[in-house]
Amino acid sequence: MKRATGKVVLLGAGPGDLELLTLKAVRQLQAAEVLLLDELVNPDIVSLAPQAQVVRVGKRGGCKSTPQDFIQRLMRRYAVQGRRVVRVKGGEVLLFGRAGEEIRYLQQHGIEVEVVNGISAALAAAASLNVSLTHRQHCRGVTLVTAHAQDHSEPDWQALAATGTTLAIYMGMSRIASLNQALLQYLPASTPVAVVQWASTPQEQRLLSTLATLEADALAAGMGSPAIILVGEAMAEASLPQLPMAAAVPSCA
């Protein structure tokens, strides 16, 4: 007897610390029959889905990546087989990933989709720094922006600087020189900046700086991707609590 078409759950795994998963996320993992696992997801997450087939579909800047079209066809293939598919994404599903494309593709093929939110890296980074992204004495809000556009263009830094918000910049380390110089055109050199790499994980590194020395400080600290760059006066309130000893950083192997 043919099984009914399954469903696909797009699940946010958060920045790395499995204790930041929601209860809903854990329930979905426990019920999963197929896990499609992103590159930056904590690999230990598979322990929460003991009965699932694990398929690694990693994407990471500068490394060999699984084509997006192939991932979407995989989701469809397993769902048509009647299996419960959980597409596990790092951070928050609906921020700077391919969720929009995946939702549209699955809906066009008549496949049920459910989204389970996760903690975004910017929030985990702020928590690690004990700082509010929307400190009312310093800013009007927070703006989440990616420095890595599909067409490789730069964000409108002038417009972003004019918002009076904390800028949470994703995927900016590979072009930190250009974004640093661009922001210096529209914000004071004394503007506080924080950088958090591998937020919430044992590999986490943190840096407090200003726009005047951001690029040089990040280079001297050996910081790279994945990292969040937080720019704005609210970062003047940030602190650097003691970190646990760092483990080895995963490679592209």
Protein backbone atom coordinates (compact mmCIF):
# COMPACT_ATOMS: atom_id res chain seq x y z
CA MET A 1 0.00 0.00 0.00
CA LYS A 2 1.43 3.39 -1.02
CA ARG A 3 2.22 5.69 1.88
CA ALA A 4 0.81 9.19 1.97
CA THR A 5 3.18 12.02 1.09
CA GLY A 6 5.33 12.96 4.04
CA LYS A 7 6.24 16.42 5.23
CA VAL A 8 9.35 18.54 5.54
CA VAL A 9 10.26 20.39 8.70
CA LEU A 10 12.72 23.29 8.35
CA LEU A 11 14.35 23.35 11.75
CA GLY A 12 16.63 25.99 13.24
CA ALA A 13 19.39 24.31 15.24
CA GLY A 14 20.65 27.55 16.74
CA PRO A 15 24.29 28.68 16.86
CA GLY A 16 25.73 25.43 18.17
CA ASP A 17 24.90 24.88 21.84
CA LEU A 18 22.33 22.05 21.83
CA GLU A 19 20.87 23.36 25.09
CA LEU A 20 19.52 26.31 23.10
CA LEU A 21 17.23 24.04 21.07
CA THR A 22 13.54 24.50 21.75
CA LEU A 23 11.40 21.67 23.12
CA LYS A 24 9.52 21.71 19.82
CA ALA A 25 12.77 21.23 17.91
CA VAL A 26 13.72 18.24 20.08
CA ARG A 27 10.32 16.62 19.49
CA GLN A 28 10.68 17.07 15.74
CA LEU A 29 14.16 15.54 15.80
CA GLN A 30 12.94 12.55 17.77
CA ALA A 31 10.20 11.96 15.19
CA ALA A 32 12.44 12.45 12.15
CA GLU A 33 12.97 9.66 9.64
CA VAL A 34 15.46 11.62 7.51
CA LEU A 35 17.82 14.38 8.68
CA LEU A 36 19.30 16.70 6.06
CA LEU A 37 22.12 18.28 8.04
CA ASP A 38 23.80 21.63 7.31
CA GLU A 39 27.56 22.09 7.65
CA LEU A 40 27.61 24.46 10.64
CA VAL A 41 25.14 22.48 12.76
CA ASN A 42 26.55 20.85 15.89
CA PRO A 43 27.17 17.25 14.72
CA ASP A 44 26.03 15.91 18.10
CA ILE A 45 22.47 16.85 17.15
CA VAL A 46 22.12 13.44 15.49
CA SER A 47 21.97 11.87 18.95
CA LEU A 48 18.52 13.45 19.31
CA ALA A 49 17.28 11.64 16.20
CA PRO A 50 18.43 8.05 16.78
CA GLN A 51 16.07 6.49 14.24
CA ALA A 52 16.73 8.92 11.39
CA GLN A 53 18.78 8.44 8.25
CA VAL A 54 21.40 11.23 8.27
CA VAL A 55 22.28 12.97 5.00
CA ARG A 56 24.91 15.70 5.19
CA VAL A 57 24.18 18.58 2.80
CA GLY A 58 26.76 21.09 3.95
CA LYS A 59 27.27 24.63 2.70
CA ARG A 60 30.18 26.70 3.99
CA GLY A 61 32.00 29.65 2.48
CA GLY A 62 35.27 28.68 0.82
CA CYS A 63 34.51 24.96 1.03
CA LYS A 64 32.96 22.41 -1.28
CA SER A 65 29.19 22.75 -0.94
CA THR A 66 26.11 20.72 -1.81
CA PRO A 67 24.14 22.43 -4.63
CA GLN A 68 20.88 23.99 -3.48
CA ASP A 69 18.86 22.39 -6.29
CA PHE A 70 20.10 18.97 -5.20
CA ILE A 71 19.06 19.61 -1.58
CA GLN A 72 15.57 20.62 -2.68
CA ARG A 73 15.20 17.52 -4.85
CA LEU A 74 16.32 15.36 -1.93
CA MET A 75 13.67 16.88 0.32
CA ARG A 76 11.03 16.23 -2.30
CA ARG A 77 12.22 12.67 -2.97
CA TYR A 78 12.07 11.60 0.66
CA ALA A 79 8.77 13.39 1.32
CA VAL A 80 7.14 11.72 -1.72
CA GLN A 81 8.24 8.40 -0.23
CA GLY A 82 6.05 9.29 2.75
CA ARG A 83 8.95 9.93 5.10
CA ARG A 84 9.19 12.64 7.74
CA VAL A 85 12.06 14.88 6.67
CA VAL A 86 13.78 17.36 8.98
CA ARG A 87 16.00 19.86 7.20
CA VAL A 88 18.36 21.06 9.94
CA LYS A 89 19.78 24.55 9.48
CA GLY A 90 22.22 26.43 11.66
CA GLY A 91 20.89 29.43 13.55
CA GLU A 92 17.40 30.67 12.72
CA VAL A 93 15.67 29.12 9.71
CA LEU A 94 14.22 32.34 8.34
CA LEU A 95 17.38 34.47 8.49
CA PHE A 96 19.90 34.57 5.62
CA GLY A 97 19.47 30.98 4.54
CA ARG A 98 17.61 29.45 1.63
CA ALA A 99 14.35 28.88 3.51
CA GLY A 100 12.35 31.09 1.14
CA GLU A 101 13.47 29.08 -1.88
CA GLU A 102 12.88 25.76 -0.11
CA ILE A 103 9.41 26.67 1.12
CA ARG A 104 8.35 27.81 -2.35
CA TYR A 105 9.80 24.72 -4.03
CA LEU A 106 8.08 22.31 -1.64
CA GLN A 107 4.75 24.11 -1.80
CA GLN A 108 4.87 24.07 -5.60
CA HIS A 109 5.23 20.30 -5.41
CA GLY A 110 2.36 19.89 -2.97
CA ILE A 111 4.52 18.99 0.02
CA GLU A 112 3.58 20.15 3.51
CA VAL A 113 6.17 22.40 5.16
CA GLU A 114 6.57 23.36 8.81
CA VAL A 115 9.08 25.83 10.24
CA VAL A 116 10.59 25.42 13.69
CA ASN A 117 12.50 28.53 14.75
CA GLY A 118 15.96 28.54 16.30
CA ILE A 119 18.16 31.02 18.17
CA SER A 120 20.04 33.24 15.74
CA ALA A 121 23.81 33.73 16.11
CA ALA A 122 23.41 37.48 16.71
CA LEU A 123 21.30 36.78 19.80
CA ALA A 124 23.74 34.15 21.07
CA ALA A 125 26.63 36.55 20.49
CA ALA A 126 24.89 39.29 22.46
CA ALA A 127 24.16 36.88 25.30
CA SER A 128 27.81 35.88 25.41
CA LEU A 129 28.77 39.55 25.73
CA ASN A 130 26.11 40.29 28.35
CA VAL A 131 24.84 43.14 26.20
CA SER A 132 21.42 44.24 24.96
CA LEU A 133 21.20 44.72 21.21
CA THR A 134 18.43 47.26 21.78
CA HIS A 135 19.72 49.14 24.84
CA ARG A 136 17.34 52.08 24.98
CA GLN A 137 20.03 54.50 26.17
CA HIS A 138 22.05 53.88 23.02
CA CYS A 139 19.90 52.87 20.05
CA ARG A 140 16.46 52.65 18.46
CA GLY A 141 16.55 48.96 17.62
CA VAL A 142 18.62 46.34 15.85
CA THR A 143 19.15 45.74 12.15
CA LEU A 144 20.13 42.29 10.89
CA VAL A 145 22.08 42.50 7.64
CA THR A 146 24.19 40.15 5.55
CA ALA A 147 27.41 41.35 3.97
CA HIS A 148 27.20 38.48 1.47
CA ALA A 149 24.61 39.34 -1.18
CA GLN A 150 23.68 36.97 -4.03
CA ASP A 151 24.98 39.44 -6.60
CA HIS A 152 28.15 40.13 -4.53
CA SER A 153 27.18 43.80 -4.10
CA GLU A 154 27.80 45.77 -0.90
CA PRO A 155 24.92 46.74 1.43
CA ASP A 156 23.89 50.38 1.52
CA TRP A 157 26.08 51.18 4.51
CA GLN A 158 25.11 54.85 4.49
CA ALA A 159 21.42 53.99 4.88
CA LEU A 160 22.18 51.37 7.53
CA ALA A 161 24.35 53.77 9.53
CA ALA A 162 21.57 56.36 9.44
CA THR A 163 19.07 54.02 11.14
CA GLY A 164 20.50 54.66 14.59
CA THR A 165 20.27 50.92 15.32
CA THR A 166 22.74 48.27 16.37
CA LEU A 167 23.99 46.61 13.18
CA ALA A 168 24.25 42.83 13.45
CA ILE A 169 26.30 41.88 10.40
CA TYR A 170 26.31 38.27 9.25
CA MET A 171 28.85 36.73 6.85
CA GLY A 172 31.07 39.80 6.99
CA MET A 173 34.48 38.46 7.95
CA SER A 174 35.60 37.72 4.39
CA ARG A 175 35.08 41.39 3.50
CA ILE A 176 35.81 42.99 6.84
CA ALA A 177 38.24 45.47 5.26
CA SER A 178 35.69 46.92 2.85
CA LEU A 179 32.83 47.02 5.34
CA ASN A 180 35.09 48.61 7.96
CA GLN A 181 36.15 51.35 5.55
CA ALA A 182 32.58 51.88 4.36
CA LEU A 183 31.19 52.27 7.88
CA LEU A 184 33.98 54.70 8.77
CA GLN A 185 32.56 57.03 6.11
CA TYR A 186 29.23 57.29 7.93
CA LEU A 187 29.91 56.54 11.62
CA PRO A 188 32.48 57.94 14.07
CA ALA A 189 35.76 56.04 14.33
CA SER A 190 35.06 55.68 18.06
CA THR A 191 31.89 53.63 17.42
CA PRO A 192 32.10 50.46 19.56
CA VAL A 193 32.22 47.11 17.74
CA ALA A 194 32.10 43.52 18.98
CA VAL A 195 32.95 40.39 17.03
CA VAL A 196 31.92 36.92 18.18
CA GLN A 197 33.08 33.83 16.30
CA TRP A 198 31.46 30.42 16.85
CA ALA A 199 28.98 31.93 19.34
CA SER A 200 27.78 29.58 22.11
CA THR A 201 30.25 26.81 21.23
CA PRO A 202 33.52 25.66 22.89
CA GLN A 203 35.38 27.29 19.97
CA GLU A 204 33.90 30.72 20.72
CA GLN A 205 36.18 33.77 20.41
CA ARG A 206 35.22 37.35 21.23
CA LEU A 207 36.65 40.75 20.50
CA LEU A 208 35.76 44.26 21.62
CA SER A 209 37.04 47.05 19.40
CA THR A 210 36.03 50.24 17.61
CA LEU A 211 35.61 51.08 13.95
CA ALA A 212 38.99 52.80 14.06
CA THR A 213 40.84 49.52 14.61
CA LEU A 214 38.31 46.78 13.81
CA GLU A 215 40.08 45.25 10.82
CA ALA A 216 43.52 45.26 12.46
CA ASP A 217 42.21 43.92 15.77
CA ALA A 218 40.26 41.10 14.11
CA LEU A 219 43.30 40.15 12.05
CA ALA A 220 45.57 40.19 15.10
CA ALA A 221 43.11 37.99 16.99
CA GLY A 222 43.00 35.50 14.12
CA MET A 223 39.24 35.75 13.83
CA GLY A 224 37.34 34.48 10.83
CA SER A 225 34.07 32.86 9.80
CA PRO A 226 31.55 32.05 11.07
CA ALA A 227 31.26 35.24 13.10
CA ILE A 228 28.83 38.03 13.90
CA ILE A 229 29.97 41.66 13.81
CA LEU A 230 27.95 43.93 16.13
CA VAL A 231 28.31 47.67 15.49
CA GLY A 232 26.82 50.48 17.53
CA GLU A 233 26.89 52.46 20.75
CA ALA A 234 25.13 49.66 22.63
CA MET A 235 28.34 47.63 22.33
CA ALA A 236 29.94 50.05 24.82
CA GLU A 237 28.03 48.04 27.44
CA ALA A 238 29.54 44.71 26.37
CA SER A 239 31.77 42.66 28.65
CA LEU A 240 33.95 39.57 28.21
CA PRO A 241 33.12 36.94 30.84
CA GLN A 242 35.53 34.00 31.16
CA LEU A 243 35.39 31.52 28.28
CA PRO A 244 35.98 27.77 28.53
CA MET A 245 39.10 26.37 26.86
CA ALA A 246 38.62 26.35 23.08
CA ALA A 247 38.48 23.13 21.07
CA ALA A 248 39.78 22.68 17.53
CA VAL A 249 37.89 24.59 14.83
CA PRO A 250 36.28 22.32 12.19
CA SER A 251 37.90 22.37 8.75
CA CYS A 252 36.48 21.93 5.26
CA ALA A 253 37.61 18.30 5.07
